[in-house]
């Protein structure tokens, strides 16, 4: 296969898919775009072989698929299995979320995604990365070297109108950034959490 990733022949179609993203895809994209989630870069509508993935992190070889109602008929289920078999041969892990999970159980979606990222950390370069120390975040190397994994962070959705000193938003449910408080095993804050908003 000449173009394994982002075949030029699919470029127009991928652009079209980005332009007509589903509401569920748009919500998730606001939280993972531009390295907002755990500092890993995800790309939208990324081509691998003849398939186009909803979201893909090349460094982790982690794909995210958001499944609407069309994915639950017999034909679509078989097609998805064939696609996952192909991706597995390329060492690409696929994590799936339904529209309903994103709409009504988003905190669990982000926790599952966080765990999927942690599980893929041994796949990336294990050389020291000083940028993690500068940012004050957890180094992937700490997981690779066998150190104990920290308790998953508590993820709280912060509406954009809740910013300190900000005027009330016109729409109360605008997309919000993550507020992550790292906690230790005893439940207390470890190093103080950061709040990132629009």
C-alpha atoms as a PDB file:
ATOM      1  CA  UNK A   1       0.000   0.000   0.000  1.00  0.00           C
ATOM      2  CA  UNK A   2       1.650   3.184  -1.198  1.00  0.00           C
ATOM      3  CA  UNK A   3       0.006   5.628   1.201  1.00  0.00           C
ATOM      4  CA  UNK A   4      -0.579   3.938   4.541  1.00  0.00           C
ATOM      5  CA  UNK A   5      -1.307   7.181   6.395  1.00  0.00           C
ATOM      6  CA  UNK A   6      -3.480  10.047   5.116  1.00  0.00           C
ATOM      7  CA  UNK A   7      -3.762   8.942   1.507  1.00  0.00           C
ATOM      8  CA  UNK A   8      -3.908  12.056  -0.684  1.00  0.00           C
ATOM      9  CA  UNK A   9      -6.882  10.611  -2.547  1.00  0.00           C
ATOM     10  CA  UNK A  10      -8.901  10.756   0.685  1.00  0.00           C
ATOM     11  CA  UNK A  11      -7.955  14.342   1.527  1.00  0.00           C
ATOM     12  CA  UNK A  12     -11.159  15.959   0.249  1.00  0.00           C
ATOM     13  CA  UNK A  13     -13.306  13.338   1.972  1.00  0.00           C
ATOM     14  CA  UNK A  14     -11.445  13.756   5.271  1.00  0.00           C
ATOM     15  CA  UNK A  15     -11.937  17.522   5.036  1.00  0.00           C
ATOM     16  CA  UNK A  16     -15.643  16.976   4.431  1.00  0.00           C
ATOM     17  CA  UNK A  17     -15.910  14.690   7.472  1.00  0.00           C
ATOM     18  CA  UNK A  18     -14.269  17.355   9.652  1.00  0.00           C
ATOM     19  CA  UNK A  19     -16.739  19.956   8.393  1.00  0.00           C
ATOM     20  CA  UNK A  20     -19.750  17.839   9.309  1.00  0.00           C
ATOM     21  CA  UNK A  21     -18.635  16.330  12.600  1.00  0.00           C
ATOM     22  CA  UNK A  22     -21.383  14.972  14.827  1.00  0.00           C
ATOM     23  CA  UNK A  23     -22.223  16.861  18.047  1.00  0.00           C
ATOM     24  CA  UNK A  24     -20.648  14.072  20.115  1.00  0.00           C
ATOM     25  CA  UNK A  25     -17.412  14.262  18.117  1.00  0.00           C
ATOM     26  CA  UNK A  26     -17.363  18.041  18.512  1.00  0.00           C
ATOM     27  CA  UNK A  27     -17.739  17.807  22.294  1.00  0.00           C
ATOM     28  CA  UNK A  28     -14.909  15.294  22.640  1.00  0.00           C
ATOM     29  CA  UNK A  29     -12.677  17.245  20.248  1.00  0.00           C
ATOM     30  CA  UNK A  30     -12.901  20.359  22.440  1.00  0.00           C
ATOM     31  CA  UNK A  31     -11.228  18.434  25.257  1.00  0.00           C
ATOM     32  CA  UNK A  32      -8.482  16.584  23.368  1.00  0.00           C
ATOM     33  CA  UNK A  33      -7.488  19.069  20.640  1.00  0.00           C
ATOM     34  CA  UNK A  34      -4.203  21.027  20.721  1.00  0.00           C
ATOM     35  CA  UNK A  35      -2.658  18.699  23.345  1.00  0.00           C
ATOM     36  CA  UNK A  36      -5.238  19.744  25.954  1.00  0.00           C
ATOM     37  CA  UNK A  37      -5.537  16.253  27.430  1.00  0.00           C
ATOM     38  CA  UNK A  38      -2.360  14.842  29.001  1.00  0.00           C
ATOM     39  CA  UNK A  39      -0.255  16.784  26.444  1.00  0.00           C
ATOM     40  CA  UNK A  40      -0.702  14.256  23.653  1.00  0.00           C
ATOM     41  CA  UNK A  41      -1.587  15.435  20.153  1.00  0.00           C
ATOM     42  CA  UNK A  42      -4.693  13.920  18.590  1.00  0.00           C
ATOM     43  CA  UNK A  43      -5.631  14.424  14.951  1.00  0.00           C
ATOM     44  CA  UNK A  44      -9.156  14.493  13.602  1.00  0.00           C
ATOM     45  CA  UNK A  45     -10.368  12.280  10.727  1.00  0.00           C
ATOM     46  CA  UNK A  46      -6.976  10.653  10.205  1.00  0.00           C
ATOM     47  CA  UNK A  47      -6.498   8.131   7.400  1.00  0.00           C
ATOM     48  CA  UNK A  48      -4.903   4.737   8.024  1.00  0.00           C
ATOM     49  CA  UNK A  49      -4.969   2.498   4.988  1.00  0.00           C
ATOM     50  CA  UNK A  50      -8.425   2.718   3.449  1.00  0.00           C
ATOM     51  CA  UNK A  51      -9.996   3.607   6.807  1.00  0.00           C
ATOM     52  CA  UNK A  52     -10.546   7.033   8.355  1.00  0.00           C
ATOM     53  CA  UNK A  53     -10.349   7.236  12.143  1.00  0.00           C
ATOM     54  CA  UNK A  54     -12.380   9.786  14.102  1.00  0.00           C
ATOM     55  CA  UNK A  55      -9.365  10.725  16.242  1.00  0.00           C
ATOM     56  CA  UNK A  56      -5.814   9.387  16.254  1.00  0.00           C
ATOM     57  CA  UNK A  57      -2.670   9.956  18.314  1.00  0.00           C
ATOM     58  CA  UNK A  58       0.279   8.912  16.172  1.00  0.00           C
ATOM     59  CA  UNK A  59       2.736   8.900  19.072  1.00  0.00           C
ATOM     60  CA  UNK A  60       0.620   6.538  21.180  1.00  0.00           C
ATOM     61  CA  UNK A  61      -0.856   4.686  18.182  1.00  0.00           C
ATOM     62  CA  UNK A  62      -4.208   5.162  19.879  1.00  0.00           C
ATOM     63  CA  UNK A  63      -7.425   5.642  17.904  1.00  0.00           C
ATOM     64  CA  UNK A  64     -10.706   6.969  19.274  1.00  0.00           C
ATOM     65  CA  UNK A  65     -13.966   6.080  17.569  1.00  0.00           C
ATOM     66  CA  UNK A  66     -17.278   7.759  18.431  1.00  0.00           C
ATOM     67  CA  UNK A  67     -20.115   5.409  17.530  1.00  0.00           C
ATOM     68  CA  UNK A  68     -23.537   6.684  16.564  1.00  0.00           C
ATOM     69  CA  UNK A  69     -26.652   4.609  15.927  1.00  0.00           C
ATOM     70  CA  UNK A  70     -25.375   3.507  12.504  1.00  0.00           C
ATOM     71  CA  UNK A  71     -22.645   1.413  14.151  1.00  0.00           C
ATOM     72  CA  UNK A  72     -25.037  -0.985  15.856  1.00  0.00           C
ATOM     73  CA  UNK A  73     -26.537  -2.890  12.930  1.00  0.00           C
ATOM     74  CA  UNK A  74     -25.115  -6.283  11.963  1.00  0.00           C
ATOM     75  CA  UNK A  75     -23.296  -5.072   8.853  1.00  0.00           C
ATOM     76  CA  UNK A  76     -21.618  -2.173  10.689  1.00  0.00           C
ATOM     77  CA  UNK A  77     -20.520  -4.436  13.547  1.00  0.00           C
ATOM     78  CA  UNK A  78     -18.814  -6.807  11.097  1.00  0.00           C
ATOM     79  CA  UNK A  79     -17.185  -3.886   9.280  1.00  0.00           C
ATOM     80  CA  UNK A  80     -15.869  -2.462  12.568  1.00  0.00           C
ATOM     81  CA  UNK A  81     -14.377  -5.846  13.504  1.00  0.00           C
ATOM     82  CA  UNK A  82     -12.585  -6.094  10.164  1.00  0.00           C
ATOM     83  CA  UNK A  83     -11.263  -2.578  10.614  1.00  0.00           C
ATOM     84  CA  UNK A  84     -10.022  -3.278  14.160  1.00  0.00           C
ATOM     85  CA  UNK A  85      -8.275  -6.454  12.963  1.00  0.00           C
ATOM     86  CA  UNK A  86      -6.453  -4.415  10.319  1.00  0.00           C
ATOM     87  CA  UNK A  87      -5.477  -1.715  12.829  1.00  0.00           C
ATOM     88  CA  UNK A  88      -4.329  -4.287  15.384  1.00  0.00           C
ATOM     89  CA  UNK A  89      -1.826  -5.639  12.862  1.00  0.00           C
ATOM     90  CA  UNK A  90      -0.376  -2.116  12.768  1.00  0.00           C
ATOM     91  CA  UNK A  91      -0.218  -2.042  16.581  1.00  0.00           C
ATOM     92  CA  UNK A  92      -2.998   0.549  16.777  1.00  0.00           C
ATOM     93  CA  UNK A  93      -5.320   0.310  19.775  1.00  0.00           C
ATOM     94  CA  UNK A  94      -8.929   1.415  19.284  1.00  0.00           C
ATOM     95  CA  UNK A  95     -11.050   2.765  22.129  1.00  0.00           C
ATOM     96  CA  UNK A  96     -14.743   3.282  21.431  1.00  0.00           C
ATOM     97  CA  UNK A  97     -17.336   5.569  22.978  1.00  0.00           C
ATOM     98  CA  UNK A  98     -20.992   5.896  22.072  1.00  0.00           C
ATOM     99  CA  UNK A  99     -22.770   9.195  21.552  1.00  0.00           C
ATOM    100  CA  UNK A 100     -24.822   8.525  24.669  1.00  0.00           C
ATOM    101  CA  UNK A 101     -21.718   8.028  26.804  1.00  0.00           C
ATOM    102  CA  UNK A 102     -20.343  11.374  25.675  1.00  0.00           C
ATOM    103  CA  UNK A 103     -23.638  13.165  26.256  1.00  0.00           C
ATOM    104  CA  UNK A 104     -24.526  11.675  29.634  1.00  0.00           C
ATOM    105  CA  UNK A 105     -21.402  10.082  31.177  1.00  0.00           C
ATOM    106  CA  UNK A 106     -18.573  12.319  30.006  1.00  0.00           C
ATOM    107  CA  UNK A 107     -16.515  12.072  33.191  1.00  0.00           C
ATOM    108  CA  UNK A 108     -16.300   8.303  32.775  1.00  0.00           C
ATOM    109  CA  UNK A 109     -15.380   8.756  29.093  1.00  0.00           C
ATOM    110  CA  UNK A 110     -12.413  10.941  30.017  1.00  0.00           C
ATOM    111  CA  UNK A 111     -11.289   8.594  32.787  1.00  0.00           C
ATOM    112  CA  UNK A 112     -11.398   5.645  30.377  1.00  0.00           C
ATOM    113  CA  UNK A 113      -9.465   7.639  27.808  1.00  0.00           C
ATOM    114  CA  UNK A 114      -6.881   8.593  30.431  1.00  0.00           C
ATOM    115  CA  UNK A 115      -6.406   4.925  31.358  1.00  0.00           C
ATOM    116  CA  UNK A 116      -6.088   3.977  27.688  1.00  0.00           C
ATOM    117  CA  UNK A 117      -3.331   6.565  27.301  1.00  0.00           C
ATOM    118  CA  UNK A 118      -1.513   5.230  30.373  1.00  0.00           C
ATOM    119  CA  UNK A 119      -1.751   1.691  28.966  1.00  0.00           C
ATOM    120  CA  UNK A 120      -0.114   2.871  25.739  1.00  0.00           C
ATOM    121  CA  UNK A 121       2.771   4.746  27.373  1.00  0.00           C
ATOM    122  CA  UNK A 122       5.257   1.834  27.016  1.00  0.00           C
ATOM    123  CA  UNK A 123       4.781   2.193  23.235  1.00  0.00           C
ATOM    124  CA  UNK A 124       6.389   5.631  23.114  1.00  0.00           C
ATOM    125  CA  UNK A 125      10.023   6.736  23.376  1.00  0.00           C
ATOM    126  CA  UNK A 126      11.356   6.113  26.895  1.00  0.00           C
ATOM    127  CA  UNK A 127      14.112   8.738  26.730  1.00  0.00           C
ATOM    128  CA  UNK A 128      13.859  11.487  29.365  1.00  0.00           C
ATOM    129  CA  UNK A 129      11.632  14.380  28.369  1.00  0.00           C
ATOM    130  CA  UNK A 130      12.462  17.542  30.336  1.00  0.00           C
ATOM    131  CA  UNK A 131       9.368  19.319  29.057  1.00  0.00           C
ATOM    132  CA  UNK A 132       7.217  17.262  31.432  1.00  0.00           C
ATOM    133  CA  UNK A 133       9.215  18.505  34.402  1.00  0.00           C
ATOM    134  CA  UNK A 134       8.828  22.103  33.239  1.00  0.00           C
ATOM    135  CA  UNK A 135       5.081  21.675  32.951  1.00  0.00           C
ATOM    136  CA  UNK A 136       4.822  20.042  36.365  1.00  0.00           C
ATOM    137  CA  UNK A 137       3.009  17.017  34.965  1.00  0.00           C
ATOM    138  CA  UNK A 138       3.518  13.309  35.494  1.00  0.00           C
ATOM    139  CA  UNK A 139       6.347  11.907  33.360  1.00  0.00           C
ATOM    140  CA  UNK A 140       5.413   8.918  31.174  1.00  0.00           C
ATOM    141  CA  UNK A 141       8.779   7.396  32.091  1.00  0.00           C
ATOM    142  CA  UNK A 142       7.637   6.955  35.699  1.00  0.00           C
ATOM    143  CA  UNK A 143       5.067   4.404  34.513  1.00  0.00           C
ATOM    144  CA  UNK A 144       7.491   2.675  32.170  1.00  0.00           C
ATOM    145  CA  UNK A 145      10.128   2.193  34.875  1.00  0.00           C
ATOM    146  CA  UNK A 146       7.657   0.357  37.083  1.00  0.00           C
ATOM    147  CA  UNK A 147       6.917   3.086  39.593  1.00  0.00           C
ATOM    148  CA  UNK A 148       3.484   3.042  41.160  1.00  0.00           C
ATOM    149  CA  UNK A 149       0.790   4.694  39.086  1.00  0.00           C
ATOM    150  CA  UNK A 150      -0.904   7.684  40.708  1.00  0.00           C
ATOM    151  CA  UNK A 151      -4.588   7.646  41.487  1.00  0.00           C
ATOM    152  CA  UNK A 152      -6.505   8.819  38.400  1.00  0.00           C
ATOM    153  CA  UNK A 153      -7.257  12.528  38.627  1.00  0.00           C
ATOM    154  CA  UNK A 154     -10.697  13.793  39.526  1.00  0.00           C
ATOM    155  CA  UNK A 155     -12.087  15.375  36.391  1.00  0.00           C
ATOM    156  CA  UNK A 156     -14.621  18.132  36.805  1.00  0.00           C
ATOM    157  CA  UNK A 157     -16.314  19.968  33.987  1.00  0.00           C
ATOM    158  CA  UNK A 158     -16.084  23.723  34.497  1.00  0.00           C
ATOM    159  CA  UNK A 159     -18.618  25.833  32.545  1.00  0.00           C
ATOM    160  CA  UNK A 160     -16.979  28.706  30.725  1.00  0.00           C
ATOM    161  CA  UNK A 161     -19.150  31.223  32.559  1.00  0.00           C
ATOM    162  CA  UNK A 162     -17.756  30.018  35.920  1.00  0.00           C
ATOM    163  CA  UNK A 163     -14.403  31.733  35.452  1.00  0.00           C
ATOM    164  CA  UNK A 164     -13.485  34.083  38.223  1.00  0.00           C
ATOM    165  CA  UNK A 165     -14.311  37.662  37.251  1.00  0.00           C
ATOM    166  CA  UNK A 166     -15.870  36.672  33.940  1.00  0.00           C
ATOM    167  CA  UNK A 167     -19.179  38.055  32.780  1.00  0.00           C
ATOM    168  CA  UNK A 168     -22.065  35.555  32.644  1.00  0.00           C
ATOM    169  CA  UNK A 169     -21.998  33.602  29.408  1.00  0.00           C
ATOM    170  CA  UNK A 170     -24.869  34.009  26.992  1.00  0.00           C
ATOM    171  CA  UNK A 171     -25.148  30.268  26.657  1.00  0.00           C
ATOM    172  CA  UNK A 172     -24.716  28.308  29.878  1.00  0.00           C
ATOM    173  CA  UNK A 173     -23.525  25.095  28.237  1.00  0.00           C
ATOM    174  CA  UNK A 174     -20.628  26.317  26.118  1.00  0.00           C
ATOM    175  CA  UNK A 175     -17.769  23.780  25.780  1.00  0.00           C
ATOM    176  CA  UNK A 176     -15.542  23.914  28.858  1.00  0.00           C
ATOM    177  CA  UNK A 177     -11.945  22.959  29.454  1.00  0.00           C
ATOM    178  CA  UNK A 178     -10.920  20.320  31.976  1.00  0.00           C
ATOM    179  CA  UNK A 179     -10.234  21.017  35.586  1.00  0.00           C
ATOM    180  CA  UNK A 180      -7.915  18.318  36.897  1.00  0.00           C
ATOM    181  CA  UNK A 181      -6.873  17.915  40.509  1.00  0.00           C
ATOM    182  CA  UNK A 182      -4.210  15.282  41.012  1.00  0.00           C
ATOM    183  CA  UNK A 183      -4.910  13.357  44.197  1.00  0.00           C
ATOM    184  CA  UNK A 184      -2.771  10.949  46.144  1.00  0.00           C
ATOM    185  CA  UNK A 185      -3.883   7.587  47.478  1.00  0.00           C
ATOM    186  CA  UNK A 186      -5.334   9.219  50.582  1.00  0.00           C
ATOM    187  CA  UNK A 187      -7.548  11.511  48.562  1.00  0.00           C
ATOM    188  CA  UNK A 188      -5.676  14.759  49.277  1.00  0.00           C
ATOM    189  CA  UNK A 189      -4.281  17.048  46.576  1.00  0.00           C
ATOM    190  CA  UNK A 190      -0.810  16.188  45.365  1.00  0.00           C
ATOM    191  CA  UNK A 191       1.034  19.242  44.255  1.00  0.00           C
ATOM    192  CA  UNK A 192      -2.068  21.314  43.728  1.00  0.00           C
ATOM    193  CA  UNK A 193      -4.373  20.980  40.741  1.00  0.00           C
ATOM    194  CA  UNK A 194      -4.511  23.389  37.875  1.00  0.00           C
ATOM    195  CA  UNK A 195      -7.589  24.894  36.322  1.00  0.00           C
ATOM    196  CA  UNK A 196      -7.556  25.588  32.634  1.00  0.00           C
ATOM    197  CA  UNK A 197     -10.494  27.428  31.117  1.00  0.00           C
ATOM    198  CA  UNK A 198     -11.220  29.327  27.937  1.00  0.00           C
END
